[in-house]
């Protein structure tokens, strides 16, 4: 699975709109749309923000692994 497909799947699984995620990232919806379509790459800071928002690992978010892992399990408290 491509990383940009994963972005769309995560958003749709939570019944969110592109504008909702754009607001989380503090960008315009049109910019986020480019990320989801794979037209433009996101910076690592945005991936980190989304990993925290969705509570998934960066490996899952970027498509390196297929099984979601909770980010909480990797963070020491």
PDB file of N, CA and C in Angstrom:
ATOM      1  N   UNK A   1       0.846  -1.185   0.000  1.00  0.00           N
ATOM      2  CA  UNK A   1       0.000   0.000   0.000  1.00  0.00           C
ATOM      3  C   UNK A   1       0.886   1.240   0.000  1.00  0.00           C
ATOM      4  N   UNK A   2       0.523   2.200  -0.811  1.00  0.00           N
ATOM      5  CA  UNK A   2       1.243   3.469  -0.854  1.00  0.00           C
ATOM      6  C   UNK A   2       0.955   4.286   0.400  1.00  0.00           C
ATOM      7  N   UNK A   3       1.924   5.096   0.775  1.00  0.00           N
ATOM      8  CA  UNK A   3       1.756   5.914   1.977  1.00  0.00           C
ATOM      9  C   UNK A   3       0.559   6.861   1.854  1.00  0.00           C
ATOM     10  N   UNK A   4       0.317   7.391   0.676  1.00  0.00           N
ATOM     11  CA  UNK A   4      -0.789   8.332   0.532  1.00  0.00           C
ATOM     12  C   UNK A   4      -2.143   7.622   0.586  1.00  0.00           C
ATOM     13  N   UNK A   5      -2.205   6.370   0.175  1.00  0.00           N
ATOM     14  CA  UNK A   5      -3.446   5.606   0.334  1.00  0.00           C
ATOM     15  C   UNK A   5      -3.742   5.371   1.819  1.00  0.00           C
ATOM     16  N   UNK A   6      -2.694   5.148   2.588  1.00  0.00           N
ATOM     17  CA  UNK A   6      -2.850   4.941   4.027  1.00  0.00           C
ATOM     18  C   UNK A   6      -3.430   6.199   4.681  1.00  0.00           C
ATOM     19  N   UNK A   7      -2.969   7.379   4.237  1.00  0.00           N
ATOM     20  CA  UNK A   7      -3.491   8.638   4.773  1.00  0.00           C
ATOM     21  C   UNK A   7      -4.997   8.729   4.554  1.00  0.00           C
ATOM     22  N   UNK A   8      -5.419   8.394   3.359  1.00  0.00           N
ATOM     23  CA  UNK A   8      -6.853   8.460   3.037  1.00  0.00           C
ATOM     24  C   UNK A   8      -7.639   7.421   3.829  1.00  0.00           C
ATOM     25  N   UNK A   9      -7.129   6.202   3.896  1.00  0.00           N
ATOM     26  CA  UNK A   9      -7.830   5.145   4.623  1.00  0.00           C
ATOM     27  C   UNK A   9      -8.010   5.490   6.102  1.00  0.00           C
ATOM     28  N   UNK A  10      -6.964   5.995   6.722  1.00  0.00           N
ATOM     29  CA  UNK A  10      -7.064   6.374   8.135  1.00  0.00           C
ATOM     30  C   UNK A  10      -8.111   7.460   8.339  1.00  0.00           C
ATOM     31  N   UNK A  11      -8.097   8.443   7.461  1.00  0.00           N
ATOM     32  CA  UNK A  11      -9.071   9.537   7.572  1.00  0.00           C
ATOM     33  C   UNK A  11     -10.495   9.032   7.375  1.00  0.00           C
ATOM     34  N   UNK A  12     -10.712   8.252   6.343  1.00  0.00           N
ATOM     35  CA  UNK A  12     -12.052   7.762   6.040  1.00  0.00           C
ATOM     36  C   UNK A  12     -12.557   6.790   7.099  1.00  0.00           C
ATOM     37  N   UNK A  13     -11.664   5.971   7.663  1.00  0.00           N
ATOM     38  CA  UNK A  13     -12.075   5.039   8.723  1.00  0.00           C
ATOM     39  C   UNK A  13     -12.626   5.776   9.942  1.00  0.00           C
ATOM     40  N   UNK A  14     -12.222   7.010  10.115  1.00  0.00           N
ATOM     41  CA  UNK A  14     -12.686   7.807  11.253  1.00  0.00           C
ATOM     42  C   UNK A  14     -13.771   8.801  10.858  1.00  0.00           C
ATOM     43  N   UNK A  15     -14.288   8.642   9.640  1.00  0.00           N
ATOM     44  CA  UNK A  15     -15.346   9.518   9.110  1.00  0.00           C
ATOM     45  C   UNK A  15     -14.969  10.995   9.175  1.00  0.00           C
ATOM     46  N   UNK A  16     -13.725  11.284   8.842  1.00  0.00           N
ATOM     47  CA  UNK A  16     -13.250  12.665   8.833  1.00  0.00           C
ATOM     48  C   UNK A  16     -13.143  13.154   7.400  1.00  0.00           C
ATOM     49  N   UNK A  17     -13.211  14.444   7.239  1.00  0.00           N
ATOM     50  CA  UNK A  17     -13.048  15.076   5.935  1.00  0.00           C
ATOM     51  C   UNK A  17     -11.621  15.597   5.807  1.00  0.00           C
ATOM     52  N   UNK A  18     -11.213  15.843   4.595  1.00  0.00           N
ATOM     53  CA  UNK A  18      -9.872  16.381   4.372  1.00  0.00           C
ATOM     54  C   UNK A  18      -9.653  17.678   5.144  1.00  0.00           C
ATOM     55  N   UNK A  19     -10.670  18.493   5.202  1.00  0.00           N
ATOM     56  CA  UNK A  19     -10.539  19.772   5.907  1.00  0.00           C
ATOM     57  C   UNK A  19     -10.274  19.551   7.400  1.00  0.00           C
ATOM     58  N   UNK A  20     -10.824  18.473   7.969  1.00  0.00           N
ATOM     59  CA  UNK A  20     -10.576  18.170   9.379  1.00  0.00           C
ATOM     60  C   UNK A  20      -9.092  17.895   9.619  1.00  0.00           C
ATOM     61  N   UNK A  21      -8.496  17.111   8.748  1.00  0.00           N
ATOM     62  CA  UNK A  21      -7.081  16.776   8.897  1.00  0.00           C
ATOM     63  C   UNK A  21      -6.216  17.988   8.563  1.00  0.00           C
ATOM     64  N   UNK A  22      -6.623  18.748   7.576  1.00  0.00           N
ATOM     65  CA  UNK A  22      -5.892  19.978   7.247  1.00  0.00           C
ATOM     66  C   UNK A  22      -5.849  20.907   8.463  1.00  0.00           C
ATOM     67  N   UNK A  23      -6.935  20.984   9.184  1.00  0.00           N
ATOM     68  CA  UNK A  23      -6.965  21.812  10.396  1.00  0.00           C
ATOM     69  C   UNK A  23      -5.998  21.283  11.451  1.00  0.00           C
ATOM     70  N   UNK A  24      -5.914  19.976  11.594  1.00  0.00           N
ATOM     71  CA  UNK A  24      -4.971  19.374  12.537  1.00  0.00           C
ATOM     72  C   UNK A  24      -3.540  19.759  12.154  1.00  0.00           C
ATOM     73  N   UNK A  25      -3.260  19.752  10.863  1.00  0.00           N
ATOM     74  CA  UNK A  25      -1.917  20.053  10.367  1.00  0.00           C
ATOM     75  C   UNK A  25      -1.662  21.549  10.197  1.00  0.00           C
ATOM     76  N   UNK A  26      -2.721  22.347  10.376  1.00  0.00           N
ATOM     77  CA  UNK A  26      -2.632  23.806  10.210  1.00  0.00           C
ATOM     78  C   UNK A  26      -2.205  24.191   8.788  1.00  0.00           C
ATOM     79  N   UNK A  27      -2.872  23.539   7.836  1.00  0.00           N
ATOM     80  CA  UNK A  27      -2.649  23.828   6.420  1.00  0.00           C
ATOM     81  C   UNK A  27      -4.007  23.944   5.737  1.00  0.00           C
ATOM     82  N   UNK A  28      -4.002  24.324   4.479  1.00  0.00           N
ATOM     83  CA  UNK A  28      -5.235  24.396   3.696  1.00  0.00           C
ATOM     84  C   UNK A  28      -5.653  22.999   3.233  1.00  0.00           C
ATOM     85  N   UNK A  29      -6.943  22.816   3.017  1.00  0.00           N
ATOM     86  CA  UNK A  29      -7.473  21.534   2.550  1.00  0.00           C
ATOM     87  C   UNK A  29      -6.871  21.143   1.217  1.00  0.00           C
ATOM     88  N   UNK A  30      -6.659  22.111   0.337  1.00  0.00           N
ATOM     89  CA  UNK A  30      -6.090  21.801  -0.972  1.00  0.00           C
ATOM     90  C   UNK A  30      -4.676  21.229  -0.850  1.00  0.00           C
ATOM     91  N   UNK A  31      -3.916  21.729   0.116  1.00  0.00           N
ATOM     92  CA  UNK A  31      -2.569  21.194   0.349  1.00  0.00           C
ATOM     93  C   UNK A  31      -2.652  19.751   0.838  1.00  0.00           C
ATOM     94  N   UNK A  32      -3.559  19.500   1.787  1.00  0.00           N
ATOM     95  CA  UNK A  32      -3.699  18.134   2.290  1.00  0.00           C
ATOM     96  C   UNK A  32      -4.156  17.184   1.177  1.00  0.00           C
ATOM     97  N   UNK A  33      -5.021  17.661   0.303  1.00  0.00           N
ATOM     98  CA  UNK A  33      -5.486  16.854  -0.820  1.00  0.00           C
ATOM     99  C   UNK A  33      -4.302  16.397  -1.682  1.00  0.00           C
ATOM    100  N   UNK A  34      -3.330  17.261  -1.870  1.00  0.00           N
ATOM    101  CA  UNK A  34      -2.136  16.894  -2.642  1.00  0.00           C
ATOM    102  C   UNK A  34      -1.364  15.766  -1.959  1.00  0.00           C
ATOM    103  N   UNK A  35      -1.308  15.793  -0.641  1.00  0.00           N
ATOM    104  CA  UNK A  35      -0.639  14.723   0.100  1.00  0.00           C
ATOM    105  C   UNK A  35      -1.353  13.394  -0.104  1.00  0.00           C
ATOM    106  N   UNK A  36      -2.676  13.425   0.019  1.00  0.00           N
ATOM    107  CA  UNK A  36      -3.466  12.190  -0.119  1.00  0.00           C
ATOM    108  C   UNK A  36      -3.409  11.610  -1.522  1.00  0.00           C
ATOM    109  N   UNK A  37      -3.251  12.449  -2.506  1.00  0.00           N
ATOM    110  CA  UNK A  37      -3.180  11.975  -3.888  1.00  0.00           C
ATOM    111  C   UNK A  37      -1.767  11.577  -4.291  1.00  0.00           C
ATOM    112  N   UNK A  38      -0.792  11.829  -3.425  1.00  0.00           N
ATOM    113  CA  UNK A  38       0.585  11.485  -3.727  1.00  0.00           C
ATOM    114  C   UNK A  38       1.247  12.457  -4.678  1.00  0.00           C
ATOM    115  N   UNK A  39       0.640  13.617  -4.856  1.00  0.00           N
ATOM    116  CA  UNK A  39       1.191  14.636  -5.745  1.00  0.00           C
ATOM    117  C   UNK A  39       2.357  15.358  -5.079  1.00  0.00           C
ATOM    118  N   UNK A  40       2.275  15.492  -3.771  1.00  0.00           N
ATOM    119  CA  UNK A  40       3.311  16.186  -3.014  1.00  0.00           C
ATOM    120  C   UNK A  40       3.581  15.410  -1.732  1.00  0.00           C
ATOM    121  N   UNK A  41       4.828  15.429  -1.291  1.00  0.00           N
ATOM    122  CA  UNK A  41       5.205  14.724  -0.063  1.00  0.00           C
ATOM    123  C   UNK A  41       5.073  15.648   1.142  1.00  0.00           C
ATOM    124  N   UNK A  42       4.669  15.053   2.263  1.00  0.00           N
ATOM    125  CA  UNK A  42       4.603  15.792   3.518  1.00  0.00           C
ATOM    126  C   UNK A  42       5.971  15.794   4.173  1.00  0.00           C
ATOM    127  N   UNK A  43       6.215  16.809   4.965  1.00  0.00           N
ATOM    128  CA  UNK A  43       7.420  16.845   5.778  1.00  0.00           C
ATOM    129  C   UNK A  43       7.272  15.914   6.977  1.00  0.00           C
ATOM    130  N   UNK A  44       8.384  15.539   7.563  1.00  0.00           N
ATOM    131  CA  UNK A  44       8.368  14.617   8.699  1.00  0.00           C
ATOM    132  C   UNK A  44       7.564  15.183   9.862  1.00  0.00           C
ATOM    133  N   UNK A  45       7.569  16.488  10.046  1.00  0.00           N
ATOM    134  CA  UNK A  45       6.814  17.094  11.136  1.00  0.00           C
ATOM    135  C   UNK A  45       5.314  16.821  11.006  1.00  0.00           C
ATOM    136  N   UNK A  46       4.837  16.805   9.790  1.00  0.00           N
ATOM    137  CA  UNK A  46       3.405  16.541   9.564  1.00  0.00           C
ATOM    138  C   UNK A  46       3.092  15.063   9.793  1.00  0.00           C
ATOM    139  N   UNK A  47       4.015  14.188   9.384  1.00  0.00           N
ATOM    140  CA  UNK A  47       3.818  12.759   9.660  1.00  0.00           C
ATOM    141  C   UNK A  47       3.778  12.498  11.165  1.00  0.00           C
ATOM    142  N   UNK A  48       4.647  13.150  11.895  1.00  0.00           N
ATOM    143  CA  UNK A  48       4.665  12.979  13.351  1.00  0.00           C
ATOM    144  C   UNK A  48       3.351  13.467  13.956  1.00  0.00           C
ATOM    145  N   UNK A  49       2.878  14.606  13.501  1.00  0.00           N
ATOM    146  CA  UNK A  49       1.597  15.136  13.992  1.00  0.00           C
ATOM    147  C   UNK A  49       0.467  14.152  13.726  1.00  0.00           C
ATOM    148  N   UNK A  50       0.425  13.581  12.525  1.00  0.00           N
ATOM    149  CA  UNK A  50      -0.637  12.629  12.189  1.00  0.00           C
ATOM    150  C   UNK A  50      -0.489  11.316  12.951  1.00  0.00           C
ATOM    151  N   UNK A  51       0.731  10.867  13.160  1.00  0.00           N
ATOM    152  CA  UNK A  51       0.943   9.641  13.938  1.00  0.00           C
ATOM    153  C   UNK A  51       0.387   9.824  15.353  1.00  0.00           C
ATOM    154  N   UNK A  52       0.624  10.974  15.937  1.00  0.00           N
ATOM    155  CA  UNK A  52       0.088  11.258  17.272  1.00  0.00           C
ATOM    156  C   UNK A  52      -1.431  11.380  17.225  1.00  0.00           C
ATOM    157  N   UNK A  53      -1.937  12.068  16.207  1.00  0.00           N
ATOM    158  CA  UNK A  53      -3.388  12.265  16.077  1.00  0.00           C
ATOM    159  C   UNK A  53      -4.114  10.928  15.940  1.00  0.00           C
ATOM    160  N   UNK A  54      -3.614  10.056  15.085  1.00  0.00           N
ATOM    161  CA  UNK A  54      -4.244   8.761  14.854  1.00  0.00           C
ATOM    162  C   UNK A  54      -3.801   7.688  15.855  1.00  0.00           C
ATOM    163  N   UNK A  55      -2.785   7.997  16.644  1.00  0.00           N
ATOM    164  CA  UNK A  55      -2.219   7.056  17.617  1.00  0.00           C
ATOM    165  C   UNK A  55      -1.728   5.778  16.928  1.00  0.00           C
ATOM    166  N   UNK A  56      -0.935   5.984  15.885  1.00  0.00           N
ATOM    167  CA  UNK A  56      -0.320   4.869  15.153  1.00  0.00           C
ATOM    168  C   UNK A  56       1.169   5.152  14.998  1.00  0.00           C
ATOM    169  N   UNK A  57       1.928   4.113  14.697  1.00  0.00           N
ATOM    170  CA  UNK A  57       3.363   4.291  14.495  1.00  0.00           C
ATOM    171  C   UNK A  57       3.623   4.958  13.145  1.00  0.00           C
ATOM    172  N   UNK A  58       4.772   5.594  13.049  1.00  0.00           N
ATOM    173  CA  UNK A  58       5.180   6.169  11.765  1.00  0.00           C
ATOM    174  C   UNK A  58       5.367   5.089  10.709  1.00  0.00           C
ATOM    175  N   UNK A  59       5.816   3.915  11.127  1.00  0.00           N
ATOM    176  CA  UNK A  59       5.976   2.806  10.179  1.00  0.00           C
ATOM    177  C   UNK A  59       4.641   2.447   9.533  1.00  0.00           C
ATOM    178  N   UNK A  60       3.589   2.393  10.313  1.00  0.00           N
ATOM    179  CA  UNK A  60       2.270   2.096   9.766  1.00  0.00           C
ATOM    180  C   UNK A  60       1.772   3.247   8.897  1.00  0.00           C
ATOM    181  N   UNK A  61       1.918   4.452   9.394  1.00  0.00           N
ATOM    182  CA  UNK A  61       1.427   5.628   8.683  1.00  0.00           C
ATOM    183  C   UNK A  61       2.075   5.764   7.311  1.00  0.00           C
ATOM    184  N   UNK A  62       3.328   5.428   7.215  1.00  0.00           N
ATOM    185  CA  UNK A  62       4.042   5.570   5.944  1.00  0.00           C
ATOM    186  C   UNK A  62       3.981   4.318   5.075  1.00  0.00           C
ATOM    187  N   UNK A  63       3.293   3.284   5.537  1.00  0.00           N
ATOM    188  CA  UNK A  63       3.100   2.092   4.734  1.00  0.00           C
ATOM    189  C   UNK A  63       4.217   1.068   4.824  1.00  0.00           C
ATOM    190  N   UNK A  64       5.141   1.251   5.761  1.00  0.00           N
ATOM    191  CA  UNK A  64       6.237   0.286   5.895  1.00  0.00           C
ATOM    192  C   UNK A  64       5.776  -1.031   6.517  1.00  0.00           C
ATOM    193  N   UNK A  65       4.784  -0.962   7.383  1.00  0.00           N
ATOM    194  CA  UNK A  65       4.200  -2.169   7.963  1.00  0.00           C
ATOM    195  C   UNK A  65       2.700  -2.128   7.728  1.00  0.00           C
ATOM    196  N   UNK A  66       2.067  -3.285   7.727  1.00  0.00           N
ATOM    197  CA  UNK A  66       0.640  -3.335   7.392  1.00  0.00           C
ATOM    198  C   UNK A  66      -0.273  -3.402   8.604  1.00  0.00           C
ATOM    199  N   UNK A  67       0.292  -3.647   9.766  1.00  0.00           N
ATOM    200  CA  UNK A  67      -0.524  -3.763  10.969  1.00  0.00           C
ATOM    201  C   UNK A  67      -0.337  -2.534  11.853  1.00  0.00           C
ATOM    202  N   UNK A  68      -1.439  -1.864  12.200  1.00  0.00           N
ATOM    203  CA  UNK A  68      -1.283  -0.660  13.034  1.00  0.00           C
ATOM    204  C   UNK A  68      -0.807  -1.013  14.434  1.00  0.00           C
ATOM    205  N   UNK A  69       0.114  -0.231  14.917  1.00  0.00           N
ATOM    206  CA  UNK A  69       0.586  -0.368  16.285  1.00  0.00           C
ATOM    207  C   UNK A  69       0.292   0.937  16.996  1.00  0.00           C
ATOM    208  N   UNK A  70      -0.195   0.822  18.210  1.00  0.00           N
ATOM    209  CA  UNK A  70      -0.493   2.013  18.997  1.00  0.00           C
ATOM    210  C   UNK A  70       0.796   2.745  19.307  1.00  0.00           C
ATOM    211  N   UNK A  71       0.778   4.037  19.089  1.00  0.00           N
ATOM    212  CA  UNK A  71       1.923   4.860  19.408  1.00  0.00           C
ATOM    213  C   UNK A  71       2.182   4.856  20.905  1.00  0.00           C
ATOM    214  N   UNK A  72       1.124   4.765  21.691  1.00  0.00           N
ATOM    215  CA  UNK A  72       1.252   4.766  23.154  1.00  0.00           C
ATOM    216  C   UNK A  72       2.167   3.657  23.642  1.00  0.00           C
ATOM    217  N   UNK A  73       2.175   2.549  22.982  1.00  0.00           N
ATOM    218  CA  UNK A  73       2.976   1.427  23.463  1.00  0.00           C
ATOM    219  C   UNK A  73       4.469   1.660  23.281  1.00  0.00           C
ATOM    220  N   UNK A  74       4.823   2.626  22.444  1.00  0.00           N
ATOM    221  CA  UNK A  74       6.229   2.922  22.175  1.00  0.00           C
ATOM    222  C   UNK A  74       6.756   4.112  22.984  1.00  0.00           C
ATOM    223  N   UNK A  75       5.865   4.844  23.585  1.00  0.00           N
ATOM    224  CA  UNK A  75       6.258   6.048  24.323  1.00  0.00           C
ATOM    225  C   UNK A  75       6.414   5.703  25.796  1.00  0.00           C
ATOM    226  N   UNK A  76       7.560   6.032  26.334  1.00  0.00           N
ATOM    227  CA  UNK A  76       7.794   5.790  27.762  1.00  0.00           C
ATOM    228  C   UNK A  76       7.142   6.907  28.556  1.00  0.00           C
ATOM    229  N   UNK A  77       6.502   6.516  29.622  1.00  0.00           N
ATOM    230  CA  UNK A  77       5.810   7.516  30.452  1.00  0.00           C
ATOM    231  C   UNK A  77       6.566   7.795  31.706  1.00  0.00           C
TER     232      UNK A  77
END
